[in-house]
Amino acid sequence: MSPFTLEQTVDQFTGVEVPGPGTRFIEEQQEHLLAAEVEELAGLRFGIVLTAKWESDPEEEHEHRKELRAELDSLRARYYDKIDQIAMKFGVAIAMQVKEEVERRVTLPLRTGFAGLLGGADNN
């Protein structure tokens, strides 16, 4: 009989390798870490979408639009940095899947006014 580790064990009856408690723990930790990263990425995406909507509002003053544009540039840079961090930690394929999922799910309805975003009546 060969020695086994916590990371990988062999079922004594079937001979099939099954993940040990250490492996399951590591996988669960990775899932939690990825979920936290995805949540942060979604928050950045929501900030981008909302700031872009405000920046494009024709009623905004020129100076405020300029500030919003700078904030938008900062949010976009942080968003793509976060995608790069996810790629380095979890792999490029997972990072691209996460990016697509976040971009598909985090949007604003086309006719949502600002009051509608805050729980009030639709302005449009």
Protein backbone atom coordinates (compact mmCIF):
# COMPACT_ATOMS: atom_id res chain seq x y z
CA MET A 1 0.00 0.00 0.00
CA SER A 2 1.31 3.43 -0.90
CA PRO A 3 1.27 6.39 1.46
CA PHE A 4 -1.37 9.07 0.98
CA THR A 5 -1.61 12.74 1.74
CA LEU A 6 -4.42 15.05 2.76
CA GLU A 7 -4.39 16.55 -0.72
CA GLN A 8 -5.09 13.32 -2.55
CA THR A 9 -6.31 9.95 -1.33
CA VAL A 10 -7.18 6.70 -3.02
CA ASP A 11 -10.46 5.01 -2.21
CA GLN A 12 -9.37 1.70 -0.66
CA PHE A 13 -12.19 -0.28 -2.33
CA THR A 14 -12.38 1.23 -5.82
CA GLY A 15 -8.83 2.47 -6.34
CA VAL A 16 -10.21 5.79 -7.58
CA GLU A 17 -8.38 8.92 -6.54
CA VAL A 18 -10.63 11.28 -4.61
CA PRO A 19 -9.80 14.72 -3.38
CA GLY A 20 -8.87 14.74 0.26
CA PRO A 21 -10.05 17.22 2.86
CA GLY A 22 -7.09 19.50 2.18
CA THR A 23 -7.91 19.72 -1.52
CA ARG A 24 -11.60 20.39 -0.87
CA PHE A 25 -10.68 23.13 1.60
CA ILE A 26 -8.34 24.78 -0.90
CA GLU A 27 -10.97 24.57 -3.65
CA GLU A 28 -13.59 26.15 -1.37
CA GLN A 29 -11.16 28.91 -0.44
CA GLN A 30 -10.46 29.58 -4.13
CA GLU A 31 -14.20 29.73 -4.84
CA HIS A 32 -14.69 32.26 -2.04
CA LEU A 33 -11.76 34.35 -3.26
CA LEU A 34 -13.09 34.30 -6.83
CA ALA A 35 -16.58 35.26 -5.64
CA ALA A 36 -15.13 38.25 -3.78
CA GLU A 37 -13.16 39.31 -6.86
CA VAL A 38 -16.26 38.97 -9.06
CA GLU A 39 -18.30 41.05 -6.61
CA GLU A 40 -15.68 43.78 -6.67
CA LEU A 41 -15.53 43.65 -10.48
CA ALA A 42 -19.33 43.93 -10.67
CA GLY A 43 -19.22 46.94 -8.35
CA LEU A 44 -16.67 48.64 -10.58
CA ARG A 45 -18.77 47.83 -13.66
CA PHE A 46 -21.88 49.30 -12.02
CA GLY A 47 -19.89 52.43 -11.16
CA ILE A 48 -18.77 52.73 -14.78
CA VAL A 49 -22.30 52.32 -16.14
CA LEU A 50 -23.80 54.78 -13.68
CA THR A 51 -21.04 57.38 -14.06
CA ALA A 52 -21.23 57.15 -17.85
CA LYS A 53 -24.98 57.78 -17.67
CA TRP A 54 -24.46 60.82 -15.45
CA GLU A 55 -21.62 62.11 -17.61
CA SER A 56 -23.78 61.91 -20.72
CA ASP A 57 -26.70 63.77 -19.10
CA PRO A 58 -27.20 66.98 -21.12
CA GLU A 59 -28.34 68.83 -17.98
CA GLU A 60 -24.97 68.38 -16.24
CA GLU A 61 -22.72 71.44 -16.00
CA HIS A 62 -19.54 71.40 -18.08
CA GLU A 63 -17.26 71.41 -15.01
CA HIS A 64 -19.15 68.55 -13.37
CA ARG A 65 -19.04 66.56 -16.63
CA LYS A 66 -15.28 67.05 -16.68
CA GLU A 67 -15.04 65.61 -13.14
CA LEU A 68 -17.29 62.71 -14.10
CA ARG A 69 -15.13 61.99 -17.15
CA ALA A 70 -12.03 61.82 -14.95
CA GLU A 71 -13.84 59.51 -12.51
CA LEU A 72 -14.96 57.36 -15.44
CA ASP A 73 -11.37 57.03 -16.67
CA SER A 74 -10.28 56.01 -13.17
CA LEU A 75 -13.07 53.44 -12.83
CA ARG A 76 -12.26 51.93 -16.22
CA ALA A 77 -8.58 51.62 -15.33
CA ARG A 78 -9.45 49.93 -12.01
CA TYR A 79 -11.92 47.63 -13.82
CA TYR A 80 -9.31 46.38 -16.29
CA ASP A 81 -6.69 46.10 -13.53
CA LYS A 82 -9.13 43.90 -11.60
CA ILE A 83 -9.61 41.68 -14.66
CA ASP A 84 -5.81 41.38 -14.94
CA GLN A 85 -5.60 40.44 -11.24
CA ILE A 86 -8.26 37.76 -11.71
CA ALA A 87 -6.37 36.41 -14.72
CA MET A 88 -3.14 36.19 -12.73
CA LYS A 89 -4.81 34.48 -9.76
CA PHE A 90 -7.28 32.16 -11.49
CA GLY A 91 -6.25 31.99 -15.15
CA VAL A 92 -7.08 33.91 -18.31
CA ALA A 93 -10.01 31.69 -19.29
CA ILE A 94 -11.76 32.25 -15.96
CA ALA A 95 -11.05 35.99 -16.12
CA MET A 96 -12.64 36.24 -19.57
CA GLN A 97 -15.68 34.23 -18.44
CA VAL A 98 -16.07 36.44 -15.37
CA LYS A 99 -15.73 39.61 -17.48
CA GLU A 100 -18.38 38.45 -19.95
CA GLU A 101 -20.75 37.42 -17.17
CA VAL A 102 -20.34 40.71 -15.30
CA GLU A 103 -20.81 42.76 -18.46
CA ARG A 104 -23.89 40.77 -19.39
CA ARG A 105 -25.51 41.10 -15.96
CA VAL A 106 -24.52 44.59 -14.80
CA THR A 107 -26.47 47.05 -16.92
CA LEU A 108 -29.01 49.82 -16.51
CA PRO A 109 -32.38 49.67 -18.21
CA LEU A 110 -32.44 52.00 -21.20
CA ARG A 111 -35.30 54.11 -19.88
CA THR A 112 -34.22 54.36 -16.25
CA GLY A 113 -33.97 57.91 -14.99
CA PHE A 114 -31.88 58.91 -12.03
CA ALA A 115 -34.89 59.02 -9.71
CA GLY A 116 -35.69 55.47 -10.81
CA LEU A 117 -32.20 54.38 -9.75
CA LEU A 118 -32.81 55.82 -6.32
CA GLY A 119 -36.24 54.29 -5.90
CA GLY A 120 -38.30 57.23 -7.18
CA ALA A 121 -40.41 57.69 -10.29
CA ASP A 122 -39.04 57.25 -13.80
CA ASN A 123 -37.91 60.58 -15.29
CA ASN A 124 -37.83 59.55 -18.93
